[in-house]
Amino acid sequence: MHKDVSKILRTIPSMDKLLALEWVEGFCNLLGRKTVKSFIESVLEKYRNEVLNGNISAVNLEYLYDEIRKALGKASQNNLTPVVNATGVIVHTNLGRSCLADDVVSDVGLISSRYSNLEYDLERGKRGHRYDHVEWILCQLTGAEAALVVNNNAAAVLLCLTALAGDGEAIISRGELIEIGESFRIPDIMSFSGAKMIEVGTTNRTHLYDYERAINENTRIVLKVHPSNYRIVGFHSEAGRRELTELAHSRGLLVMEDLGSGFLVDLSAYGLKGEPTIGQCIEEGVDIVTFSGDKLLGGPQIGGIVGKKDLISKLKKHPLLRALRVDKMTLAALESTLRIYLREDYSKIPTLAMIMTDLESLKAKADNLANLFRGILSKEDGWEVEVIEVKDLVGGGAFPDDELRGFGVTITPPDIIGPSKFAALLRQLDTPVVANVDQERIIFHVRTMRESEDVIVSSEIEGCLKELLSWRNAQ
């Protein structure tokens, strides 16, 4: 090793000296001394390699301390953090899907911080069943005889197929062999359940007689999957739900429908048509319906299962249920959400409130946000702020062809900064902001921005302007 390199390495502060620094001790209180030591060692190792590679000719303590602060500061923050959704996609899968109502959050906090009657019957003083807390409410809201919940809709589909058709065949239309997020494919789930998949019809047209011809002594169930994340247009037809159930029942077979992002209220008054409610499926004779809780229902992530009492009883006794069950916090969130539906107080559910917000309110919200931005972003410095009409989306695989009219605010940054740099800066704020980049500007869709987030965003942008201007001047 060259003498100069050895000399530089010897001037790097020792671990003991670094751990003794007052500001490092502060991180020890947050992360623990052992964790802090490991992060510092990682920074030092990287720094030593830079010295050995000849990239550093003298130790810069200020730079080294700054690197340690950055590493420890990042480790001190929760990895899962709230963000501002300014994309206009209401049920945004990557951003946590539906937001819970305030009352729901309060109920979850109460139940999770105390002992509860999760599996205890207070009247009899004996062991109870965790699903009883939500079953009667789901039955009340859907008209089903019985109900059950598991940890997500994929689990609901898997449990139903395994328990009800695992020893036989399940008939499904080729046009419903869908794939949704992260390679979740209906054929794969059916295969894993043990049920033999029998495809009928074609991609764009499946007739009732296609199902009828496929029925044999091994058939256990007819599976209908609502293709909520795509649409076939043009020369297309499918067997109606009621005629399909009548055919299946006449042959002693079950009909199961996977609604995916199923919901409890009809949204056709808001221009969203073509999605059946859970109750409509039950009314039209479907024996078992599965759906998600964190999409259009606007609650926590669950897989809901409603249908005939004898079938639900069979599901409750299946050993797979133990691996798929939900915890007390999820049940508390679901019960609280469903009680809002009982009261028909839909505006309390953020997902529905965003869908139902009128244009006048969205315009006022956009104007207010634009005024906040104009108060901190100077036109003389090259910033442009404008209110525009936008198209918002329901998201979560629902209503893929339907758009919601809305309003947004655009920020066009100075040329030397550009939209990509500005969008990256927004994502690094203390409260990260995810907005849309459109050519030379950033678009903030106000429909999906929660109450008071306009003030939070404008305040944080104002706070980082000095850093941004410093970066611009250094270019």
Protein backbone atom coordinates (compact mmCIF):
# COMPACT_ATOMS: atom_id res chain seq x y z
CA MET A 1 0.00 0.00 0.00
CA HIS A 2 1.33 3.46 -0.88
CA LYS A 3 2.49 5.54 2.09
CA ASP A 4 0.16 8.43 1.18
CA VAL A 5 -2.84 6.09 1.11
CA SER A 6 -1.93 4.67 4.53
CA LYS A 7 -1.63 8.17 5.90
CA ILE A 8 -5.07 9.13 4.58
CA LEU A 9 -6.65 5.98 6.00
CA ARG A 10 -5.15 6.71 9.43
CA THR A 11 -6.82 10.13 9.48
CA ILE A 12 -10.31 8.62 9.16
CA PRO A 13 -11.94 8.91 12.63
CA SER A 14 -12.19 5.72 14.63
CA MET A 15 -15.53 4.11 15.38
CA ASP A 16 -15.24 5.05 19.07
CA LYS A 17 -14.73 8.72 18.21
CA LEU A 18 -17.66 8.74 15.84
CA LEU A 19 -19.96 7.02 18.33
CA ALA A 20 -18.98 9.62 20.94
CA LEU A 21 -20.23 12.52 18.80
CA GLU A 22 -23.29 14.16 20.34
CA TRP A 23 -25.42 14.01 17.22
CA VAL A 24 -24.52 10.32 16.72
CA GLU A 25 -25.68 9.57 20.28
CA GLY A 26 -29.06 11.03 19.28
CA PHE A 27 -29.38 8.40 16.57
CA CYS A 28 -28.40 5.72 19.09
CA ASN A 29 -31.54 6.62 21.05
CA LEU A 30 -33.62 6.06 17.92
CA LEU A 31 -31.96 3.00 16.41
CA GLY A 32 -29.87 1.44 19.14
CA ARG A 33 -26.08 1.57 19.41
CA LYS A 34 -25.51 -1.73 17.59
CA THR A 35 -27.54 -0.64 14.56
CA VAL A 36 -25.86 2.79 14.43
CA LYS A 37 -22.47 1.15 14.56
CA SER A 38 -23.30 -1.12 11.62
CA PHE A 39 -24.49 1.80 9.46
CA ILE A 40 -21.41 3.86 10.28
CA GLU A 41 -19.18 0.91 9.41
CA SER A 42 -20.91 0.64 6.01
CA VAL A 43 -20.22 4.32 5.29
CA LEU A 44 -16.61 4.00 6.46
CA GLU A 45 -16.04 0.91 4.33
CA LYS A 46 -17.30 2.71 1.25
CA TYR A 47 -15.14 5.73 2.11
CA ARG A 48 -12.02 3.57 2.59
CA ASN A 49 -12.58 1.93 -0.79
CA GLU A 50 -12.71 5.37 -2.39
CA VAL A 51 -9.38 6.17 -0.77
CA LEU A 52 -7.83 2.88 -1.94
CA ASN A 53 -9.08 3.51 -5.48
CA GLY A 54 -7.36 6.88 -5.49
CA ASN A 55 -10.56 8.91 -5.63
CA ILE A 56 -9.89 10.70 -2.32
CA SER A 57 -6.61 12.52 -1.63
CA ALA A 58 -7.50 13.88 1.81
CA VAL A 59 -10.17 13.12 4.38
CA ASN A 60 -13.04 15.60 4.31
CA LEU A 61 -14.66 15.27 7.72
CA GLU A 62 -17.61 17.47 6.83
CA TYR A 63 -18.42 15.26 3.84
CA LEU A 64 -17.93 12.07 5.87
CA TYR A 65 -20.18 13.30 8.68
CA ASP A 66 -22.80 14.31 6.14
CA GLU A 67 -22.79 10.81 4.61
CA ILE A 68 -23.20 9.24 8.05
CA ARG A 69 -26.05 11.65 8.88
CA LYS A 70 -27.82 10.76 5.63
CA ALA A 71 -27.50 7.01 6.24
CA LEU A 72 -28.67 7.23 9.85
CA GLY A 73 -31.40 9.74 9.04
CA LYS A 74 -32.88 7.48 6.38
CA ALA A 75 -32.72 4.47 8.69
CA SER A 76 -34.49 6.46 11.43
CA GLN A 77 -37.56 7.05 9.28
CA ASN A 78 -40.34 4.51 8.87
CA ASN A 79 -40.10 2.73 5.54
CA LEU A 80 -43.89 2.77 5.19
CA THR A 81 -44.92 6.42 5.15
CA PRO A 82 -47.97 8.49 4.16
CA VAL A 83 -47.84 10.08 0.72
CA VAL A 84 -49.99 12.60 -1.11
CA ASN A 85 -51.77 10.97 -4.04
CA ALA A 86 -52.07 13.66 -6.71
CA THR A 87 -52.39 11.20 -9.61
CA GLY A 88 -56.18 11.27 -9.94
CA VAL A 89 -56.34 7.46 -9.57
CA ILE A 90 -58.66 6.87 -6.63
CA VAL A 91 -57.97 3.20 -5.87
CA HIS A 92 -54.23 3.37 -6.54
CA THR A 93 -52.76 -0.10 -6.00
CA ASN A 94 -49.16 1.13 -5.61
CA LEU A 95 -50.20 3.79 -3.10
CA GLY A 96 -52.20 1.56 -0.76
CA ARG A 97 -55.56 1.44 -2.57
CA SER A 98 -58.44 2.79 -0.48
CA CYS A 99 -58.00 5.17 2.45
CA LEU A 100 -59.90 4.27 5.61
CA ALA A 101 -62.55 6.57 7.08
CA ASP A 102 -61.57 8.59 10.16
CA ASP A 103 -64.04 6.69 12.35
CA VAL A 104 -62.59 3.41 11.11
CA VAL A 105 -59.04 4.45 11.97
CA SER A 106 -60.20 5.36 15.46
CA ASP A 107 -61.90 2.00 15.95
CA VAL A 108 -58.83 0.11 14.75
CA GLY A 109 -56.65 2.04 17.20
CA LEU A 110 -58.96 1.20 20.07
CA ILE A 111 -59.19 -2.52 19.31
CA SER A 112 -55.48 -2.93 18.57
CA SER A 113 -54.42 -1.23 21.82
CA ARG A 114 -56.71 -3.24 24.12
CA TYR A 115 -57.80 -6.81 24.70
CA SER A 116 -61.00 -7.59 22.82
CA ASN A 117 -63.66 -10.26 22.39
CA LEU A 118 -62.07 -11.38 19.12
CA GLU A 119 -62.87 -15.05 19.72
CA TYR A 120 -64.83 -14.85 22.95
CA ASP A 121 -68.60 -15.00 23.36
CA LEU A 122 -69.35 -12.51 26.14
CA GLU A 123 -72.91 -13.78 26.66
CA ARG A 124 -72.00 -17.44 27.10
CA GLY A 125 -68.57 -16.87 28.60
CA LYS A 126 -67.07 -19.32 26.13
CA ARG A 127 -64.90 -19.37 23.03
CA GLY A 128 -66.52 -17.59 20.09
CA HIS A 129 -65.81 -17.14 16.38
CA ARG A 130 -63.96 -14.15 14.96
CA TYR A 131 -66.09 -14.02 11.81
CA ASP A 132 -69.32 -13.49 13.74
CA HIS A 133 -68.45 -9.81 14.22
CA VAL A 134 -68.89 -9.02 10.51
CA GLU A 135 -70.96 -11.88 9.12
CA TRP A 136 -74.41 -10.57 9.99
CA ILE A 137 -73.57 -7.11 8.63
CA LEU A 138 -72.38 -8.52 5.30
CA CYS A 139 -75.57 -10.57 5.08
CA GLN A 140 -77.67 -7.49 5.85
CA LEU A 141 -75.94 -5.46 3.14
CA THR A 142 -75.89 -8.13 0.42
CA GLY A 143 -78.95 -10.28 1.06
CA ALA A 144 -76.76 -13.39 1.38
CA GLU A 145 -77.52 -16.21 3.82
CA ALA A 146 -74.01 -16.35 5.26
CA ALA A 147 -70.61 -14.70 4.94
CA LEU A 148 -66.92 -15.21 5.62
CA VAL A 149 -63.77 -13.10 5.19
CA VAL A 150 -60.16 -14.07 4.47
CA ASN A 151 -57.03 -12.01 3.92
CA ASN A 152 -57.60 -11.02 0.27
CA ASN A 153 -59.71 -11.82 -2.76
CA ALA A 154 -57.16 -14.21 -4.28
CA ALA A 155 -57.35 -16.21 -1.05
CA ALA A 156 -61.15 -16.13 -1.21
CA VAL A 157 -61.14 -17.57 -4.73
CA LEU A 158 -58.58 -20.21 -3.77
CA LEU A 159 -60.50 -21.31 -0.68
CA CYS A 160 -63.82 -21.56 -2.51
CA LEU A 161 -62.42 -23.56 -5.43
CA THR A 162 -60.41 -25.86 -3.16
CA ALA A 163 -63.32 -26.61 -0.84
CA LEU A 164 -66.11 -26.75 -3.41
CA ALA A 165 -64.46 -28.03 -6.60
CA GLY A 166 -61.05 -29.40 -5.65
CA ASP A 167 -62.09 -32.95 -6.52
CA GLY A 168 -63.68 -32.16 -9.87
CA GLU A 169 -64.03 -29.76 -12.75
CA ALA A 170 -64.78 -26.05 -12.89
CA ILE A 171 -66.20 -24.54 -16.06
CA ILE A 172 -65.14 -21.03 -17.07
CA SER A 173 -65.43 -18.87 -20.18
CA ARG A 174 -62.20 -18.26 -22.10
CA GLY A 175 -63.03 -14.57 -22.08
CA GLU A 176 -62.77 -14.55 -18.28
CA LEU A 177 -59.32 -16.14 -17.88
CA ILE A 178 -57.88 -12.87 -16.70
CA GLU A 179 -54.60 -11.77 -15.19
CA ILE A 180 -54.49 -8.92 -12.69
CA GLY A 181 -51.76 -7.30 -10.56
CA GLU A 182 -48.43 -9.06 -10.03
CA SER A 183 -49.21 -12.01 -12.31
CA PHE A 184 -52.31 -13.18 -10.42
CA ARG A 185 -53.87 -15.43 -13.04
CA ILE A 186 -57.18 -17.22 -12.73
CA PRO A 187 -55.86 -20.40 -14.45
CA ASP A 188 -52.99 -20.61 -11.93
CA ILE A 189 -55.34 -20.24 -8.95
CA MET A 190 -57.65 -22.88 -10.36
CA SER A 191 -54.76 -25.27 -10.90
CA PHE A 192 -53.43 -24.71 -7.38
CA SER A 193 -56.88 -25.39 -5.92
CA GLY A 194 -56.98 -28.85 -7.46
CA ALA A 195 -60.00 -28.07 -9.62
CA LYS A 196 -59.61 -29.03 -13.25
CA MET A 197 -60.27 -26.01 -15.45
CA ILE A 198 -62.64 -26.56 -18.36
CA GLU A 199 -62.55 -23.66 -20.83
CA VAL A 200 -65.63 -22.94 -22.92
CA GLY A 201 -66.52 -20.50 -25.67
CA THR A 202 -64.05 -18.12 -27.28
CA THR A 203 -62.26 -15.00 -26.11
CA ASN A 204 -65.00 -12.67 -27.31
CA ARG A 205 -68.15 -14.83 -27.38
CA THR A 206 -69.39 -17.47 -24.96
CA HIS A 207 -72.94 -18.80 -25.22
CA LEU A 208 -75.09 -20.63 -22.71
CA TYR A 209 -74.90 -23.79 -24.82
CA ASP A 210 -71.08 -23.73 -24.45
CA TYR A 211 -71.51 -24.26 -20.72
CA GLU A 212 -74.26 -26.84 -21.25
CA ARG A 213 -72.09 -28.98 -23.53
CA ALA A 214 -69.21 -28.97 -21.04
CA ILE A 215 -71.23 -30.29 -18.09
CA ASN A 216 -70.53 -33.90 -17.12
CA GLU A 217 -70.45 -36.12 -14.02
CA ASN A 218 -67.17 -34.53 -12.89
CA THR A 219 -68.41 -30.95 -13.02
CA ARG A 220 -68.62 -29.31 -9.61
CA ILE A 221 -68.93 -25.62 -10.25
CA VAL A 222 -69.48 -22.96 -12.89
CA LEU A 223 -67.08 -20.07 -12.31
CA LYS A 224 -67.85 -16.59 -13.53
CA VAL A 225 -65.09 -13.98 -13.28
CA HIS A 226 -65.93 -10.32 -13.72
CA PRO A 227 -63.22 -8.90 -16.03
CA SER A 228 -63.09 -5.61 -14.15
CA ASN A 229 -59.64 -4.59 -15.36
CA TYR A 230 -60.38 -4.75 -19.09
CA ARG A 231 -63.19 -4.66 -21.62
CA ILE A 232 -63.89 -6.50 -24.87
CA VAL A 233 -65.58 -4.22 -27.38
CA GLY A 234 -67.11 -4.94 -30.73
CA PHE A 235 -68.32 -8.45 -31.60
CA HIS A 236 -68.84 -9.71 -28.07
CA SER A 237 -71.40 -11.61 -26.02
CA GLU A 238 -71.59 -13.65 -22.82
CA ALA A 239 -74.13 -15.76 -21.00
CA GLY A 240 -76.30 -13.78 -18.63
CA ARG A 241 -75.89 -14.33 -14.91
CA ARG A 242 -79.49 -15.39 -14.30
CA GLU A 243 -79.67 -17.85 -17.20
CA LEU A 244 -76.31 -19.28 -16.19
CA THR A 245 -77.45 -19.91 -12.62
CA GLU A 246 -80.71 -21.46 -13.84
CA LEU A 247 -78.77 -23.87 -16.07
CA ALA A 248 -76.32 -24.80 -13.34
CA HIS A 249 -78.99 -25.31 -10.69
CA SER A 250 -81.05 -27.46 -13.02
CA ARG A 251 -78.04 -29.78 -13.21
CA GLY A 252 -77.34 -29.68 -9.47
CA LEU A 253 -74.25 -27.51 -9.88
CA LEU A 254 -72.98 -24.43 -8.04
CA VAL A 255 -72.30 -21.02 -9.55
CA MET A 256 -69.48 -18.95 -8.14
CA GLU A 257 -68.65 -15.40 -9.19
CA ASP A 258 -65.43 -13.54 -8.55
CA LEU A 259 -66.32 -9.86 -8.64
CA GLY A 260 -62.77 -8.67 -7.96
CA SER A 261 -63.29 -5.07 -6.93
CA GLY A 262 -66.90 -5.68 -5.91
CA PHE A 263 -68.93 -2.95 -4.26
CA LEU A 264 -72.09 -2.50 -2.25
CA VAL A 265 -73.72 0.55 -3.83
CA ASP A 266 -74.76 1.37 -7.39
CA LEU A 267 -72.57 4.15 -8.84
CA SER A 268 -74.43 4.53 -12.14
CA ALA A 269 -75.71 7.95 -11.02
CA TYR A 270 -72.10 9.14 -11.22
CA GLY A 271 -71.58 7.89 -14.76
CA LEU A 272 -70.06 4.55 -13.74
CA LYS A 273 -72.03 1.69 -15.23
CA GLY A 274 -71.54 -1.99 -15.95
CA GLU A 275 -70.30 -3.14 -12.54
CA PRO A 276 -72.81 -5.35 -10.69
CA THR A 277 -73.12 -4.96 -6.94
CA ILE A 278 -72.58 -7.92 -4.65
CA GLY A 279 -76.27 -7.86 -3.77
CA GLN A 280 -77.28 -8.02 -7.44
CA CYS A 281 -75.23 -11.19 -7.92
CA ILE A 282 -76.91 -12.83 -4.93
CA GLU A 283 -80.33 -11.72 -6.15
CA GLU A 284 -79.69 -13.30 -9.55
CA GLY A 285 -78.99 -16.68 -8.02
CA VAL A 286 -75.21 -16.87 -7.66
CA ASP A 287 -74.34 -19.33 -4.87
CA ILE A 288 -70.97 -17.88 -3.83
CA VAL A 289 -69.62 -14.37 -4.52
CA THR A 290 -66.07 -13.24 -3.75
CA PHE A 291 -64.80 -9.65 -3.69
CA SER A 292 -62.11 -7.31 -2.35
CA GLY A 293 -62.53 -5.05 0.67
CA ASP A 294 -59.91 -2.43 -0.14
CA LYS A 295 -61.08 -1.40 -3.57
CA LEU A 296 -64.57 -0.07 -4.31
CA LEU A 297 -65.83 -1.13 -0.91
CA GLY A 298 -63.38 1.36 0.58
CA GLY A 299 -62.29 -0.70 3.57
CA PRO A 300 -59.27 -2.78 4.61
CA GLN A 301 -57.68 -5.52 2.52
CA ILE A 302 -59.89 -8.60 2.84
CA GLY A 303 -61.37 -11.22 0.60
CA GLY A 304 -65.11 -11.28 1.16
CA ILE A 305 -67.16 -14.42 0.57
CA VAL A 306 -70.96 -14.33 0.70
CA GLY A 307 -73.52 -16.90 -0.34
CA LYS A 308 -75.50 -19.98 0.66
CA LYS A 309 -75.28 -20.98 4.32
CA ASP A 310 -74.38 -24.62 3.73
CA LEU A 311 -71.52 -23.63 1.42
CA ILE A 312 -70.13 -21.03 3.81
CA SER A 313 -70.29 -23.62 6.61
CA LYS A 314 -68.19 -25.95 4.47
CA LEU A 315 -65.62 -23.20 3.91
CA LYS A 316 -65.43 -22.48 7.64
CA LYS A 317 -64.50 -26.09 8.32
CA HIS A 318 -61.80 -26.30 5.66
CA PRO A 319 -58.22 -26.49 7.06
CA LEU A 320 -57.00 -23.90 4.54
CA LEU A 321 -59.04 -21.22 6.29
CA ARG A 322 -56.59 -21.15 9.21
CA ALA A 323 -53.80 -20.03 6.88
CA LEU A 324 -55.97 -17.35 5.30
CA ARG A 325 -57.69 -15.81 8.31
CA VAL A 326 -57.68 -12.10 9.11
CA ASP A 327 -56.44 -10.45 12.30
CA LYS A 328 -58.27 -8.30 14.86
CA MET A 329 -57.22 -4.96 13.32
CA THR A 330 -58.52 -5.97 9.91
CA LEU A 331 -61.80 -7.18 11.38
CA ALA A 332 -62.17 -3.96 13.37
CA ALA A 333 -61.60 -1.90 10.22
CA LEU A 334 -64.03 -3.99 8.20
CA GLU A 335 -66.80 -3.91 10.81
CA SER A 336 -66.46 -0.16 11.22
CA THR A 337 -66.55 0.37 7.44
CA LEU A 338 -69.59 -1.86 7.00
CA ARG A 339 -71.46 -0.01 9.75
CA ILE A 340 -71.02 3.18 7.72
CA TYR A 341 -72.78 1.37 4.88
CA LEU A 342 -75.59 0.36 7.24
CA ARG A 343 -76.11 4.05 8.03
CA GLU A 344 -75.88 4.87 4.28
CA ASP A 345 -73.43 7.63 5.22
CA TYR A 346 -71.37 7.03 2.08
CA SER A 347 -69.61 10.41 2.13
CA LYS A 348 -67.67 9.19 5.20
CA ILE A 349 -65.92 6.56 3.08
CA PRO A 350 -63.03 8.31 1.28
CA THR A 351 -63.15 6.13 -1.85
CA LEU A 352 -66.85 6.78 -2.42
CA ALA A 353 -66.53 10.44 -1.43
CA MET A 354 -63.85 10.94 -4.10
CA ILE A 355 -66.02 9.30 -6.74
CA MET A 356 -69.07 11.34 -5.73
CA THR A 357 -67.37 14.75 -5.48
CA ASP A 358 -69.05 17.23 -7.84
CA LEU A 359 -67.22 19.34 -10.41
CA GLU A 360 -67.92 22.62 -8.65
CA SER A 361 -66.21 21.40 -5.50
CA LEU A 362 -63.24 20.08 -7.45
CA LYS A 363 -62.87 23.41 -9.27
CA ALA A 364 -62.88 25.31 -5.98
CA LYS A 365 -60.30 22.90 -4.57
CA ALA A 366 -58.08 23.38 -7.62
CA ASP A 367 -58.37 27.18 -7.48
CA ASN A 368 -57.35 27.15 -3.82
CA LEU A 369 -54.33 24.94 -4.50
CA ALA A 370 -53.29 27.12 -7.44
CA ASN A 371 -53.44 30.25 -5.27
CA LEU A 372 -51.24 28.57 -2.66
CA PHE A 373 -48.71 27.63 -5.33
CA ARG A 374 -48.71 31.13 -6.86
CA GLY A 375 -47.94 32.53 -3.44
CA ILE A 376 -44.62 30.67 -3.31
CA LEU A 377 -43.65 30.08 -6.94
CA SER A 378 -42.66 33.33 -8.62
CA LYS A 379 -43.51 33.83 -12.27
CA GLU A 380 -40.45 36.07 -12.51
CA ASP A 381 -38.30 33.06 -11.60
CA GLY A 382 -39.79 31.03 -14.43
CA TRP A 383 -42.60 29.17 -12.65
CA GLU A 384 -46.01 28.77 -14.30
CA VAL A 385 -49.16 27.70 -12.39
CA GLU A 386 -52.46 26.94 -14.12
CA VAL A 387 -55.83 25.31 -13.34
CA ILE A 388 -56.93 22.81 -15.99
CA GLU A 389 -59.62 20.19 -16.58
CA VAL A 390 -58.40 16.61 -16.18
CA LYS A 391 -59.63 13.05 -16.45
CA ASP A 392 -59.53 11.03 -13.24
CA LEU A 393 -59.78 7.24 -12.90
CA VAL A 394 -61.43 4.92 -10.38
CA GLY A 395 -58.47 2.53 -10.47
CA GLY A 396 -58.04 -0.83 -8.78
CA GLY A 397 -59.10 -2.58 -11.98
CA ALA A 398 -62.59 -1.07 -11.89
CA PHE A 399 -64.25 0.79 -14.77
CA PRO A 400 -61.19 0.67 -17.09
CA ASP A 401 -63.07 2.46 -19.88
CA ASP A 402 -64.65 5.15 -17.72
CA GLU A 403 -63.11 8.48 -16.81
CA LEU A 404 -64.28 11.01 -14.26
CA ARG A 405 -64.24 14.68 -15.18
CA GLY A 406 -62.14 16.64 -12.76
CA PHE A 407 -59.78 19.55 -12.21
CA GLY A 408 -56.08 19.76 -11.56
CA VAL A 409 -53.30 22.26 -11.09
CA THR A 410 -50.23 22.30 -13.29
CA ILE A 411 -46.79 23.57 -12.31
CA THR A 412 -44.35 24.26 -15.11
CA PRO A 413 -40.90 24.66 -13.52
CA PRO A 414 -38.06 26.76 -15.00
CA ASP A 415 -36.31 25.12 -17.95
CA ILE A 416 -33.07 24.54 -16.05
CA ILE A 417 -34.93 22.45 -13.46
CA GLY A 418 -37.40 20.63 -15.66
CA PRO A 419 -40.40 18.46 -14.73
CA SER A 420 -38.47 15.24 -14.03
CA LYS A 421 -36.17 16.87 -11.48
CA PHE A 422 -39.11 18.65 -9.86
CA ALA A 423 -41.17 15.42 -9.73
CA ALA A 424 -38.23 13.65 -8.07
CA LEU A 425 -37.98 16.45 -5.51
CA LEU A 426 -41.70 16.11 -4.74
CA ARG A 427 -41.17 12.42 -3.99
CA GLN A 428 -38.38 13.30 -1.52
CA LEU A 429 -40.40 15.72 0.58
CA ASP A 430 -41.04 14.88 4.24
CA THR A 431 -44.55 14.05 3.06
CA PRO A 432 -43.82 12.62 -0.41
CA VAL A 433 -46.04 13.77 -3.26
CA VAL A 434 -46.77 11.52 -6.24
CA ALA A 435 -48.07 13.56 -9.17
CA ASN A 436 -48.23 13.11 -12.94
CA VAL A 437 -45.55 14.35 -15.32
CA ASP A 438 -46.95 15.62 -18.61
CA GLN A 439 -44.34 16.86 -21.06
CA GLU A 440 -42.99 20.08 -19.50
CA ARG A 441 -45.26 20.26 -16.46
CA ILE A 442 -46.42 18.50 -13.32
CA ILE A 443 -50.16 17.88 -12.87
CA PHE A 444 -51.75 17.69 -9.42
CA HIS A 445 -55.19 16.00 -9.62
CA VAL A 446 -57.09 17.44 -6.67
CA ARG A 447 -59.77 14.72 -6.51
CA THR A 448 -57.39 12.30 -4.79
CA MET A 449 -55.76 14.85 -2.49
CA ARG A 450 -57.11 14.53 1.04
CA GLU A 451 -58.28 17.39 3.23
CA SER A 452 -55.49 19.83 4.23
CA GLU A 453 -52.97 18.16 1.91
CA ASP A 454 -52.95 21.24 -0.30
CA VAL A 455 -51.54 23.27 2.60
CA ILE A 456 -49.04 20.52 3.46
CA VAL A 457 -47.79 20.29 -0.13
CA SER A 458 -47.43 24.03 -0.65
CA SER A 459 -45.67 24.43 2.70
CA GLU A 460 -43.17 21.68 1.98
CA ILE A 461 -42.49 22.96 -1.54
CA GLU A 462 -41.81 26.40 -0.07
CA GLY A 463 -39.44 24.86 2.45
CA CYS A 464 -37.34 23.14 -0.20
CA LEU A 465 -37.20 26.01 -2.69
CA LYS A 466 -33.84 27.19 -1.33
CA GLU A 467 -32.36 23.74 -1.92
CA LEU A 468 -33.86 23.67 -5.40
CA LEU A 469 -32.57 27.14 -6.28
CA SER A 470 -29.16 26.21 -4.89
CA TRP A 471 -29.10 23.18 -7.16
CA ARG A 472 -30.15 25.32 -10.14
CA ASN A 473 -27.42 27.89 -9.51
CA ALA A 474 -24.82 25.15 -9.29
CA GLN A 475 -25.63 23.90 -12.79
